[in-house]
């Protein structure tokens, strides 16, 4: 049996069912099952900018390209990630970050 993980979006709700290890959130979450909006799904638009906590595990660090976007959108948020680029390796709590411009 393959390992699966739960994604909790806090006040927005949990994803029903468990998601497989290594799955990219942008590939397994759809309009029907995701409380979080995804825009481009490639990590450039910032629509899915979120504060992410891995529970009982760790996530791979952001790529240089993701770091560039995070530094531009929210340079002072150490837990910020682009949810569309996350590959599951732990249970997660994800809280969308609302940008004020």
Protein backbone atom coordinates (compact mmCIF):
# COMPACT_ATOMS: atom_id res chain seq x y z
CA UNK A 1 0.00 0.00 0.00
CA UNK A 2 1.41 3.39 -0.96
CA UNK A 3 1.73 6.17 1.56
CA UNK A 4 -0.92 8.90 1.43
CA UNK A 5 -1.32 12.30 3.04
CA UNK A 6 -4.07 14.63 4.16
CA UNK A 7 -4.23 18.30 3.20
CA UNK A 8 -6.05 20.59 5.64
CA UNK A 9 -6.96 24.07 4.39
CA UNK A 10 -8.01 25.24 7.87
CA UNK A 11 -11.21 27.29 7.75
CA UNK A 12 -11.58 26.44 4.04
CA UNK A 13 -11.88 22.71 4.82
CA UNK A 14 -10.00 19.47 4.24
CA UNK A 15 -9.54 17.68 0.98
CA UNK A 16 -11.73 14.61 1.01
CA UNK A 17 -9.69 11.46 0.66
CA UNK A 18 -5.97 11.10 1.04
CA UNK A 19 -3.48 12.09 -1.62
CA UNK A 20 -0.54 9.94 -2.77
CA UNK A 21 3.12 10.57 -1.89
CA UNK A 22 4.91 12.63 -4.52
CA UNK A 23 1.71 13.92 -6.11
CA UNK A 24 1.80 17.57 -7.10
CA UNK A 25 -1.11 19.44 -5.55
CA UNK A 26 -1.73 21.18 -8.88
CA UNK A 27 -2.28 17.79 -10.52
CA UNK A 28 -4.54 16.15 -7.91
CA UNK A 29 -6.63 19.12 -6.80
CA UNK A 30 -9.37 20.35 -9.12
CA UNK A 31 -12.19 22.89 -8.99
CA UNK A 32 -14.36 20.11 -7.56
CA UNK A 33 -12.12 19.02 -4.67
CA UNK A 34 -9.93 22.01 -3.79
CA UNK A 35 -10.91 24.86 -1.49
CA UNK A 36 -7.85 26.77 -2.78
CA UNK A 37 -7.84 28.45 -6.17
CA UNK A 38 -5.05 27.65 -8.58
CA UNK A 39 -4.35 30.03 -11.46
CA UNK A 40 -1.53 29.13 -13.80
CA UNK A 41 -0.54 25.91 -11.98
CA UNK A 42 3.09 26.58 -12.93
CA UNK A 43 4.24 28.83 -10.09
CA UNK A 44 4.30 32.21 -11.78
CA UNK A 45 0.96 33.89 -11.05
CA UNK A 46 0.90 33.68 -7.23
CA UNK A 47 -2.81 32.81 -7.03
CA UNK A 48 -2.09 29.83 -4.76
CA UNK A 49 0.31 31.71 -2.45
CA UNK A 50 -0.06 30.06 0.95
CA UNK A 51 1.43 29.59 4.38
CA UNK A 52 2.30 25.88 4.58
CA UNK A 53 3.07 23.69 7.59
CA UNK A 54 4.16 20.08 7.18
CA UNK A 55 2.86 17.95 10.05
CA UNK A 56 5.16 15.10 11.02
CA UNK A 57 7.42 15.48 8.00
CA UNK A 58 9.15 17.92 5.73
CA UNK A 59 8.65 19.31 2.25
CA UNK A 60 11.30 19.68 -0.39
CA UNK A 61 12.63 23.25 -0.31
CA UNK A 62 11.39 25.69 -2.93
CA UNK A 63 13.22 25.79 -6.24
CA UNK A 64 15.15 28.92 -7.21
CA UNK A 65 12.27 29.96 -9.50
CA UNK A 66 9.75 29.55 -6.66
CA UNK A 67 12.04 31.50 -4.31
CA UNK A 68 12.13 34.36 -6.82
CA UNK A 69 8.31 34.57 -6.88
CA UNK A 70 8.06 34.23 -3.08
CA UNK A 71 10.67 36.97 -2.57
CA UNK A 72 8.65 39.24 -4.83
CA UNK A 73 5.20 38.51 -3.33
CA UNK A 74 5.91 38.06 0.38
CA UNK A 75 9.59 38.42 1.28
CA UNK A 76 9.01 38.32 5.05
CA UNK A 77 6.94 35.12 5.28
CA UNK A 78 9.21 32.11 5.97
CA UNK A 79 6.41 29.54 5.56
CA UNK A 80 5.18 30.94 2.25
CA UNK A 81 4.96 28.52 -0.68
CA UNK A 82 3.22 28.31 -4.02
CA UNK A 83 0.81 25.47 -3.36
CA UNK A 84 0.69 24.44 -7.01
CA UNK A 85 4.36 23.45 -6.86
CA UNK A 86 4.17 21.34 -3.70
CA UNK A 87 4.76 17.61 -4.04
CA UNK A 88 3.29 15.70 -1.13
CA UNK A 89 5.66 14.17 1.40
CA UNK A 90 3.78 14.91 4.64
CA UNK A 91 0.34 15.82 5.98
CA UNK A 92 -0.09 19.54 5.35
CA UNK A 93 -1.91 22.51 6.72
CA UNK A 94 -2.29 25.22 4.08
CA UNK A 95 -3.58 28.73 4.74
CA UNK A 96 -3.97 31.04 1.75
CA UNK A 97 -2.08 34.33 2.02
CA UNK A 98 -4.13 37.33 0.96
CA UNK A 99 -1.96 39.94 -0.72
CA UNK A 100 -2.72 43.61 -0.32
CA UNK A 101 -1.48 45.71 -3.18
